[in-house]
Amino acid sequence: MYPYVQMLESAAQAAVTVAFRPTFCVVALVFYAFLSKPLVAALRDATGLEPTSSALKLFVFLHNLALAIFSGGFFFCVFPAFYAFLGQQGWVALHCNSELWGSFLGYWAKIFYVSKFWEFIDTWILVLKGKEPSFLQLYHHIGIAIAMYLGCVYECNWLIWPCVLNSFIHTLMYTYYALATCGFKSKWAKLLTKMQLGQFVMGIAFSSSSYFFQGCLNVGQASSMVFIQIYAVGLIYLFYQMYKSKYKKKKTTSDKAQ
């Protein structure tokens, strides 16, 4: 079995190498932003795929289940190493010591970056269902791919926060989506949106520690952290607008009905 494992590891390494070429990143983001939606819509129309078809439901379920398993596995691999490093070396080292990147973060952050292209499928599923993806969808997926790319290129310790927080939230979120595909409905959706907002605020607050430690960040690391924090502020605004539109509108309608 060992040769097959070695082949899979080689294939994964090759995929990561390709994903870190600047041309790949640019082409992938341009394709996603401008070309993928009409192409997916054309595929939907050509195949006559119906939004309620069993085939689409199965695809959506498997996609969400796979991302839930990946996110959960990622979190349970990264969090213990993060907790051990923090306990042994402290808060300053967590943000400033390059050993963090070399010990485990560099390996996992690169995998996490590649997974952000996988999540483009979330948007294409909406198109397959005949829905129009929101600006929030595009902003979210494009922004995090750029932020993760910059963070990996400059070997930034602050990447520990999106890796830990986002993988945890995505484990819950994609598990809920997979269950929802099977007809499961609950009030957890509202809580998940609040938790998503919470992770953005926590990420900004915790990573900002780096600004206060002298010599902690080089120019590239500081610039990339400014980028992801500005991006996160935009996410907070857009998610909050979505939250108000989706949940407060329902409450108003319910109050009027009473």
Protein backbone atom coordinates (compact mmCIF):
# COMPACT_ATOMS: atom_id res chain seq x y z
CA MET A 1 0.00 0.00 0.00
CA TYR A 2 2.94 2.34 0.64
CA PRO A 3 3.57 3.19 -3.07
CA TYR A 4 -0.06 4.33 -3.41
CA VAL A 5 0.22 6.56 -0.34
CA GLN A 6 3.41 8.01 -1.76
CA MET A 7 1.66 8.65 -5.08
CA LEU A 8 -1.19 10.48 -3.31
CA GLU A 9 1.27 12.61 -1.34
CA SER A 10 3.16 13.45 -4.54
CA ALA A 11 -0.08 14.39 -6.30
CA ALA A 12 -1.13 16.58 -3.37
CA GLN A 13 2.25 18.30 -3.30
CA ALA A 14 2.04 18.92 -7.06
CA ALA A 15 -1.44 20.44 -6.65
CA VAL A 16 -0.18 22.76 -3.89
CA THR A 17 2.80 23.79 -6.03
CA VAL A 18 0.55 24.68 -8.96
CA ALA A 19 -1.92 26.55 -6.71
CA PHE A 20 0.87 28.83 -5.46
CA ARG A 21 1.85 30.03 -8.89
CA PRO A 22 0.63 33.66 -9.17
CA THR A 23 -0.77 32.98 -12.64
CA PHE A 24 -2.92 30.13 -11.31
CA CYS A 25 -4.33 32.29 -8.54
CA VAL A 26 -5.15 35.16 -10.89
CA VAL A 27 -6.66 32.93 -13.60
CA ALA A 28 -8.72 30.96 -11.06
CA LEU A 29 -10.14 34.11 -9.47
CA VAL A 30 -10.92 35.74 -12.83
CA PHE A 31 -12.60 32.54 -14.02
CA TYR A 32 -14.65 32.33 -10.83
CA ALA A 33 -15.68 35.99 -10.83
CA PHE A 34 -16.53 36.48 -14.50
CA LEU A 35 -16.75 33.23 -16.45
CA SER A 36 -17.87 30.42 -14.18
CA LYS A 37 -21.44 31.60 -13.58
CA PRO A 38 -22.54 31.74 -17.26
CA LEU A 39 -20.72 28.47 -17.97
CA VAL A 40 -22.41 26.66 -15.09
CA ALA A 41 -25.77 28.15 -16.10
CA ALA A 42 -25.23 26.96 -19.68
CA LEU A 43 -24.38 23.48 -18.40
CA ARG A 44 -27.53 23.49 -16.26
CA ASP A 45 -29.70 24.51 -19.20
CA ALA A 46 -28.06 22.08 -21.63
CA THR A 47 -28.59 19.13 -19.32
CA GLY A 48 -32.08 20.20 -18.26
CA LEU A 49 -31.08 19.89 -14.61
CA GLU A 50 -33.96 20.79 -12.31
CA PRO A 51 -33.34 22.52 -8.94
CA THR A 52 -35.37 19.84 -7.18
CA SER A 53 -33.80 16.87 -8.97
CA SER A 54 -32.48 13.97 -6.92
CA ALA A 55 -29.15 14.13 -8.74
CA LEU A 56 -28.56 17.75 -7.69
CA LYS A 57 -29.66 17.06 -4.11
CA LEU A 58 -27.23 14.15 -3.91
CA PHE A 59 -24.41 16.26 -5.32
CA VAL A 60 -25.12 19.08 -2.85
CA PHE A 61 -25.30 16.64 0.06
CA LEU A 62 -22.00 14.96 -0.85
CA HIS A 63 -20.29 18.33 -1.40
CA ASN A 64 -21.39 19.64 2.00
CA LEU A 65 -20.59 16.36 3.74
CA ALA A 66 -17.10 16.27 2.21
CA LEU A 67 -16.38 19.85 3.31
CA ALA A 68 -17.73 19.14 6.79
CA ILE A 69 -15.42 16.12 7.12
CA PHE A 70 -12.46 18.04 5.70
CA SER A 71 -13.05 21.05 7.98
CA GLY A 72 -13.51 18.86 11.04
CA GLY A 73 -10.41 16.83 10.28
CA PHE A 74 -8.44 20.00 9.66
CA PHE A 75 -9.57 21.55 12.95
CA PHE A 76 -8.75 18.45 15.00
CA CYS A 77 -5.28 18.32 13.44
CA VAL A 78 -4.46 22.02 13.85
CA PHE A 79 -6.10 22.95 17.16
CA PRO A 80 -4.08 20.58 19.42
CA ALA A 81 -0.81 21.77 17.84
CA PHE A 82 -1.93 25.39 18.21
CA TYR A 83 -2.90 24.84 21.86
CA ALA A 84 0.38 23.05 22.66
CA PHE A 85 2.49 25.75 21.01
CA LEU A 86 0.60 28.51 22.86
CA GLY A 87 0.97 26.69 26.19
CA GLN A 88 4.68 26.02 25.75
CA GLN A 89 5.88 29.26 24.18
CA GLY A 90 3.23 31.87 24.95
CA TRP A 91 1.20 34.56 23.21
CA VAL A 92 4.10 36.59 21.81
CA ALA A 93 5.77 33.55 20.24
CA LEU A 94 2.44 32.49 18.73
CA HIS A 95 2.39 35.72 16.73
CA CYS A 96 6.09 36.40 16.21
CA ASN A 97 8.16 33.20 16.38
CA SER A 98 8.92 31.75 12.94
CA GLU A 99 9.11 28.29 14.55
CA LEU A 100 5.32 28.23 14.46
CA TRP A 101 5.35 28.32 10.67
CA GLY A 102 8.05 25.69 10.40
CA SER A 103 6.57 23.37 13.01
CA PHE A 104 3.07 22.83 11.62
CA LEU A 105 1.33 26.00 10.48
CA GLY A 106 3.08 26.27 7.11
CA TYR A 107 1.98 22.78 6.06
CA TRP A 108 -1.66 23.15 7.14
CA ALA A 109 -2.06 26.75 5.97
CA LYS A 110 -1.13 25.75 2.42
CA ILE A 111 -3.73 22.99 2.44
CA PHE A 112 -6.29 25.43 3.82
CA TYR A 113 -5.47 27.90 1.03
CA VAL A 114 -6.03 25.25 -1.67
CA SER A 115 -9.36 24.30 -0.09
CA LYS A 116 -10.65 27.83 -0.69
CA PHE A 117 -10.85 27.06 -4.43
CA TRP A 118 -12.90 23.97 -3.62
CA GLU A 119 -15.41 26.22 -1.86
CA PHE A 120 -16.15 27.99 -5.15
CA ILE A 121 -18.57 25.11 -5.70
CA ASP A 122 -20.86 26.75 -3.10
CA THR A 123 -21.56 29.52 -5.60
CA TRP A 124 -21.99 27.16 -8.54
CA ILE A 125 -24.57 25.18 -6.58
CA LEU A 126 -26.67 28.34 -6.30
CA VAL A 127 -26.44 28.78 -10.07
CA LEU A 128 -27.46 25.15 -10.62
CA LYS A 129 -30.50 25.84 -8.42
CA GLY A 130 -31.43 28.80 -10.63
CA LYS A 131 -30.49 31.38 -7.99
CA GLU A 132 -28.39 34.52 -8.39
CA PRO A 133 -25.22 34.49 -6.23
CA SER A 134 -24.99 37.56 -4.03
CA PHE A 135 -22.14 40.06 -3.91
CA LEU A 136 -21.39 38.63 -0.45
CA GLN A 137 -20.71 35.23 -2.04
CA LEU A 138 -18.21 36.64 -4.55
CA TYR A 139 -16.56 38.97 -2.02
CA HIS A 140 -16.22 36.19 0.54
CA HIS A 141 -14.68 33.55 -1.73
CA ILE A 142 -12.38 35.86 -3.69
CA GLY A 143 -11.18 37.78 -0.63
CA ILE A 144 -10.28 34.75 1.49
CA ALA A 145 -8.38 33.13 -1.39
CA ILE A 146 -6.26 36.28 -1.83
CA ALA A 147 -5.74 36.67 1.93
CA MET A 148 -4.66 33.04 2.35
CA TYR A 149 -2.33 33.31 -0.64
CA LEU A 150 -0.62 36.40 0.77
CA GLY A 151 -0.44 34.90 4.25
CA CYS A 152 1.25 31.75 2.93
CA VAL A 153 3.67 33.58 0.63
CA TYR A 154 4.86 35.80 3.50
CA GLU A 155 4.74 32.94 6.04
CA CYS A 156 2.48 34.82 8.43
CA ASN A 157 1.83 33.53 11.94
CA TRP A 158 -1.51 35.37 12.02
CA LEU A 159 -2.82 32.67 9.66
CA ILE A 160 -3.28 30.51 12.75
CA TRP A 161 -6.47 32.46 13.52
CA PRO A 162 -8.35 31.96 10.22
CA CYS A 163 -7.15 28.34 10.17
CA VAL A 164 -8.50 27.56 13.65
CA LEU A 165 -11.60 29.75 13.71
CA ASN A 166 -12.75 29.21 10.14
CA SER A 167 -12.25 25.44 10.15
CA PHE A 168 -14.29 25.17 13.35
CA ILE A 169 -17.15 27.29 12.00
CA HIS A 170 -17.09 25.48 8.66
CA THR A 171 -17.33 22.10 10.39
CA LEU A 172 -20.61 23.21 11.97
CA MET A 173 -21.82 25.11 8.91
CA TYR A 174 -21.30 22.39 6.30
CA THR A 175 -22.68 19.75 8.66
CA TYR A 176 -25.84 21.85 8.97
CA TYR A 177 -25.99 22.35 5.19
CA ALA A 178 -25.65 18.59 4.60
CA LEU A 179 -28.46 17.90 7.07
CA ALA A 180 -30.60 20.68 5.56
CA THR A 181 -30.28 19.00 2.16
CA CYS A 182 -31.95 15.97 3.76
CA GLY A 183 -34.82 18.13 5.01
CA PHE A 184 -33.50 18.97 8.48
CA LYS A 185 -34.48 22.47 9.59
CA SER A 186 -33.80 24.25 12.88
CA LYS A 187 -32.96 27.60 14.42
CA TRP A 188 -29.28 26.77 14.22
CA ALA A 189 -28.97 28.71 10.95
CA LYS A 190 -29.44 31.99 12.81
CA LEU A 191 -26.90 30.96 15.45
CA LEU A 192 -24.41 29.93 12.77
CA THR A 193 -24.65 33.37 11.16
CA LYS A 194 -23.93 34.95 14.56
CA MET A 195 -20.97 32.62 15.01
CA GLN A 196 -19.63 33.58 11.59
CA LEU A 197 -19.80 37.23 12.57
CA GLY A 198 -18.09 36.36 15.85
CA GLN A 199 -15.17 34.62 14.14
CA PHE A 200 -14.44 37.73 12.05
CA VAL A 201 -14.39 39.95 15.12
CA MET A 202 -12.24 37.48 17.08
CA GLY A 203 -9.85 37.06 14.17
CA ILE A 204 -9.28 40.81 13.90
CA ALA A 205 -8.91 41.22 17.67
CA PHE A 206 -6.50 38.33 18.23
CA SER A 207 -4.30 38.87 15.17
CA SER A 208 -3.95 42.58 16.01
CA SER A 209 -1.65 41.58 18.88
CA SER A 210 1.13 41.38 16.31
CA TYR A 211 1.04 45.16 15.83
CA PHE A 212 2.12 45.73 19.43
CA PHE A 213 5.18 43.47 19.50
CA GLN A 214 8.31 45.20 18.25
CA GLY A 215 9.91 43.51 15.26
CA CYS A 216 7.11 40.97 15.03
CA LEU A 217 6.09 41.67 11.43
CA ASN A 218 8.07 42.40 8.29
CA VAL A 219 6.57 44.60 5.58
CA GLY A 220 4.96 41.73 3.68
CA GLN A 221 3.44 40.19 6.80
CA ALA A 222 2.09 43.53 8.02
CA SER A 223 0.65 44.41 4.61
CA SER A 224 -1.06 41.06 4.21
CA MET A 225 -2.54 41.31 7.71
CA VAL A 226 -3.90 44.77 6.95
CA PHE A 227 -5.48 43.29 3.83
CA ILE A 228 -7.25 40.44 5.63
CA GLN A 229 -8.45 42.76 8.41
CA ILE A 230 -9.94 45.27 5.96
CA TYR A 231 -11.48 42.32 4.13
CA ALA A 232 -12.90 41.00 7.42
CA VAL A 233 -14.46 44.38 8.22
CA GLY A 234 -16.21 44.21 4.85
CA LEU A 235 -17.40 40.71 5.67
CA ILE A 236 -18.79 41.84 9.01
CA TYR A 237 -20.76 44.58 7.29
CA LEU A 238 -22.09 42.32 4.51
CA PHE A 239 -22.94 39.43 6.84
CA TYR A 240 -24.72 41.79 9.22
CA GLN A 241 -26.77 43.23 6.35
CA MET A 242 -27.67 39.71 5.30
CA TYR A 243 -28.54 38.83 8.90
CA LYS A 244 -30.85 41.84 9.23
CA SER A 245 -32.52 41.15 5.90
CA LYS A 246 -33.02 37.45 6.54
CA TYR A 247 -33.88 37.19 10.23
CA LYS A 248 -35.15 40.57 11.38
CA LYS A 249 -37.49 40.68 8.40
CA LYS A 250 -38.92 37.31 9.47
CA LYS A 251 -39.42 38.58 13.00
CA THR A 252 -41.24 41.70 11.76
CA THR A 253 -43.51 39.55 9.57
CA SER A 254 -44.21 37.26 12.52
CA ASP A 255 -45.04 40.18 14.80
CA LYS A 256 -47.46 41.59 12.23
CA ALA A 257 -49.16 38.20 11.90
CA GLN A 258 -49.82 38.19 15.64
